[in-house]
Each structure stands twice: as C-alpha cells, then as structure tokens.
Amino acid sequence: MRTNSGSLAIGELLGAATFIVTCVVGAMCIIKPFKVNRGPFLRDVGFFTVSVMILLAMLFDHHIHAWEAHMMIILYIIYVTVVVIGSWWERRQDKKRRVEALIRGEFEPDDVSSPADFEQPYRDDRERCYQAVLILVI
C-alpha cells in the first residue's frame, strides 16, 4: 500500500474472490456434480454482492476513509452473526423435528405387520363363537 498500488491490491482481492466463486465452483461441478443448499448459497452470494457494491461506492472518490473501512468490518460482523444465528436456528428446528418424530413414534404399535398380513379378509372363528354361546347357555 505504500507504493500507491492500492487499486492493484483491491483489484486482486476482488478478482480472486470472483475467481473462487465462479471458476472453482464451476470446475468442482464438472468434476463431481453436487447439490447446493439454496438458503446458505443465496445468503453468501447476497453478502458478496452487497460488499462489492459497497466497495465500488467507496472507490468512487478514489479514497478509502476510516469510516468506510469500519463499515466493511461491520458488514463482516453482521455476516458472521447471520451465519451463526442461522446455524443455531437450523439445529434447533432439526432437534424439534426429531423430538416430534419420536413422540409420534411412541403411539405406533410395536408389532407393525406387513401389508401381506392384511390381504386376507377378516373372518370370525365360528367354532369359538359357538363354544362361547354354549358356555353362556350352560
């Protein structure tokens, strides 16, 4: 920064971030396709876009002031806070879903029969019915 090459440093930083977001992720998809979780991906791309827009606004006057640098640090702190709270919330929701599934599972019968057991229509055991009637008569 002492050699008045600040624009080169910022250009390299921005270029490296853009390269990682585009080329590295694209190459990984070509090598081994994968699915991306929509929420975290949109969150990260959104924060990246906002930070680039703020950086471009900061560089409009060709000077970086201390309050602008502090604003970028505050943006990073907000990003970390959103990631931590989002992870905590997701774990909380997952735990809640597991507890609800466990509660629902307690009301299911222990000896769950296969569908093949229900293929035969229900028939009364007539011999037992006749024995019960005879016992009652006697």
Protein backbone atom coordinates (compact mmCIF):
# COMPACT_ATOMS: atom_id res chain seq x y z
CA MET A 1 0.00 0.00 0.00
CA ARG A 2 2.99 2.36 0.45
CA THR A 3 3.86 2.22 -3.24
CA ASN A 4 0.49 3.73 -4.19
CA SER A 5 -0.72 0.46 -5.65
CA GLY A 6 -3.89 0.26 -3.56
CA SER A 7 -6.05 -0.08 -6.62
CA LEU A 8 -3.98 -3.09 -7.69
CA ALA A 9 -4.43 -4.72 -4.27
CA ILE A 10 -8.19 -4.15 -4.28
CA GLY A 11 -8.42 -5.39 -7.87
CA GLU A 12 -6.53 -8.56 -6.95
CA LEU A 13 -8.73 -9.12 -3.92
CA LEU A 14 -11.91 -8.65 -5.92
CA GLY A 15 -10.59 -10.74 -8.81
CA ALA A 16 -9.57 -13.59 -6.51
CA ALA A 17 -12.99 -13.65 -4.82
CA THR A 18 -14.77 -13.62 -8.18
CA PHE A 19 -12.47 -16.37 -9.50
CA ILE A 20 -13.23 -18.58 -6.49
CA VAL A 21 -16.97 -18.02 -6.74
CA THR A 22 -17.12 -18.74 -10.46
CA CYS A 23 -14.27 -20.87 -11.77
CA VAL A 24 -13.52 -23.04 -8.74
CA VAL A 25 -17.17 -23.85 -8.06
CA GLY A 26 -17.77 -24.45 -11.79
CA ALA A 27 -14.78 -26.81 -12.03
CA MET A 28 -15.96 -28.70 -8.95
CA CYS A 29 -19.40 -29.16 -10.55
CA ILE A 30 -17.81 -30.51 -13.72
CA ILE A 31 -15.62 -32.97 -11.83
CA LYS A 32 -18.27 -34.17 -9.38
CA PRO A 33 -21.81 -32.76 -9.62
CA PHE A 34 -23.38 -31.79 -6.32
CA LYS A 35 -26.43 -30.03 -4.97
CA VAL A 36 -26.17 -26.71 -3.21
CA ASN A 37 -28.41 -25.73 -0.32
CA ARG A 38 -30.38 -22.78 -1.59
CA GLY A 39 -30.53 -20.78 1.67
CA PRO A 40 -26.83 -20.63 2.56
CA PHE A 41 -25.86 -20.13 -1.10
CA LEU A 42 -28.20 -17.16 -1.54
CA ARG A 43 -27.07 -15.73 1.79
CA ASP A 44 -23.39 -15.89 0.80
CA VAL A 45 -23.95 -14.54 -2.71
CA GLY A 46 -26.12 -11.77 -1.30
CA PHE A 47 -23.47 -10.66 1.18
CA PHE A 48 -20.78 -10.89 -1.51
CA THR A 49 -22.87 -8.70 -3.83
CA VAL A 50 -23.54 -6.14 -1.10
CA SER A 51 -19.84 -6.00 -0.17
CA VAL A 52 -18.81 -5.48 -3.81
CA MET A 53 -21.39 -2.72 -4.20
CA ILE A 54 -20.15 -1.00 -1.03
CA LEU A 55 -16.56 -1.37 -2.24
CA LEU A 56 -17.42 0.22 -5.58
CA ALA A 57 -19.18 3.08 -3.79
CA MET A 58 -16.14 3.53 -1.55
CA LEU A 59 -13.78 3.68 -4.52
CA PHE A 60 -15.90 6.20 -6.40
CA ASP A 61 -13.99 9.13 -4.89
CA HIS A 62 -10.60 7.34 -5.15
CA HIS A 63 -10.08 7.43 -1.36
CA ILE A 64 -10.83 4.95 1.37
CA HIS A 65 -11.78 6.72 4.57
CA ALA A 66 -11.61 5.19 8.03
CA TRP A 67 -15.39 5.13 8.43
CA GLU A 68 -15.70 3.22 5.13
CA ALA A 69 -13.21 0.63 6.33
CA HIS A 70 -15.14 0.35 9.59
CA MET A 71 -18.33 -0.11 7.59
CA MET A 72 -16.78 -3.11 5.79
CA ILE A 73 -15.71 -4.62 9.13
CA ILE A 74 -19.24 -4.10 10.50
CA LEU A 75 -20.65 -5.79 7.39
CA TYR A 76 -18.39 -8.77 8.07
CA ILE A 77 -19.51 -8.91 11.71
CA ILE A 78 -23.14 -8.84 10.53
CA TYR A 79 -22.37 -11.68 8.09
CA VAL A 80 -20.77 -13.81 10.82
CA THR A 81 -23.72 -13.10 13.13
CA VAL A 82 -26.23 -14.11 10.46
CA VAL A 83 -24.31 -17.35 9.78
CA VAL A 84 -24.08 -18.25 13.49
CA ILE A 85 -27.74 -17.46 14.21
CA GLY A 86 -28.82 -19.30 11.05
CA SER A 87 -26.85 -22.40 12.04
CA TRP A 88 -28.26 -22.27 15.57
CA TRP A 89 -31.80 -21.89 14.21
CA GLU A 90 -31.38 -24.79 11.78
CA ARG A 91 -30.05 -27.08 14.56
CA ARG A 92 -32.98 -26.02 16.77
CA GLN A 93 -35.53 -26.80 14.05
CA ASP A 94 -33.85 -30.16 13.32
CA LYS A 95 -33.94 -31.09 17.02
CA LYS A 96 -37.61 -30.09 17.17
CA ARG A 97 -38.41 -32.28 14.14
CA ARG A 98 -36.58 -35.25 15.71
CA VAL A 99 -38.46 -34.85 19.01
CA GLU A 100 -41.80 -34.65 17.19
CA ALA A 101 -40.95 -37.78 15.19
CA LEU A 102 -40.02 -39.57 18.41
CA ILE A 103 -43.29 -38.52 20.04
CA ARG A 104 -45.28 -39.70 17.02
CA GLY A 105 -43.35 -42.97 17.02
CA GLU A 106 -44.43 -43.76 20.59
CA PHE A 107 -48.06 -44.04 19.51
CA GLU A 108 -47.36 -46.53 16.73
CA PRO A 109 -47.96 -50.22 17.50
CA ASP A 110 -44.87 -52.16 18.48
CA ASP A 111 -45.55 -55.12 16.21
CA VAL A 112 -46.18 -53.45 12.89
CA SER A 113 -47.42 -56.10 10.49
CA SER A 114 -46.50 -56.24 6.87
CA PRO A 115 -49.11 -55.38 4.23
CA ALA A 116 -49.20 -59.06 3.25
CA ASP A 117 -50.83 -59.86 6.60
CA PHE A 118 -53.84 -57.77 5.67
CA GLU A 119 -54.54 -59.35 2.30
CA GLN A 120 -56.94 -61.93 3.72
CA PRO A 121 -60.40 -60.60 4.54
CA TYR A 122 -61.44 -60.80 8.19
CA ARG A 123 -63.41 -63.90 9.17
CA ASP A 124 -64.81 -64.81 12.55
CA ASP A 125 -63.76 -68.07 14.07
CA ARG A 126 -67.23 -69.67 14.13
CA GLU A 127 -66.20 -72.62 16.24
CA ARG A 128 -65.08 -70.33 19.06
CA CYS A 129 -68.29 -68.31 18.74
CA TYR A 130 -70.37 -71.48 19.09
CA GLN A 131 -68.32 -72.59 22.12
CA ALA A 132 -68.86 -69.19 23.76
CA VAL A 133 -72.61 -69.40 23.15
CA LEU A 134 -72.75 -72.94 24.59
CA ILE A 135 -70.85 -71.84 27.67
CA LEU A 136 -73.25 -68.96 28.20
CA VAL A 137 -76.28 -71.24 27.76
CA ILE A 138 -75.00 -73.81 30.23
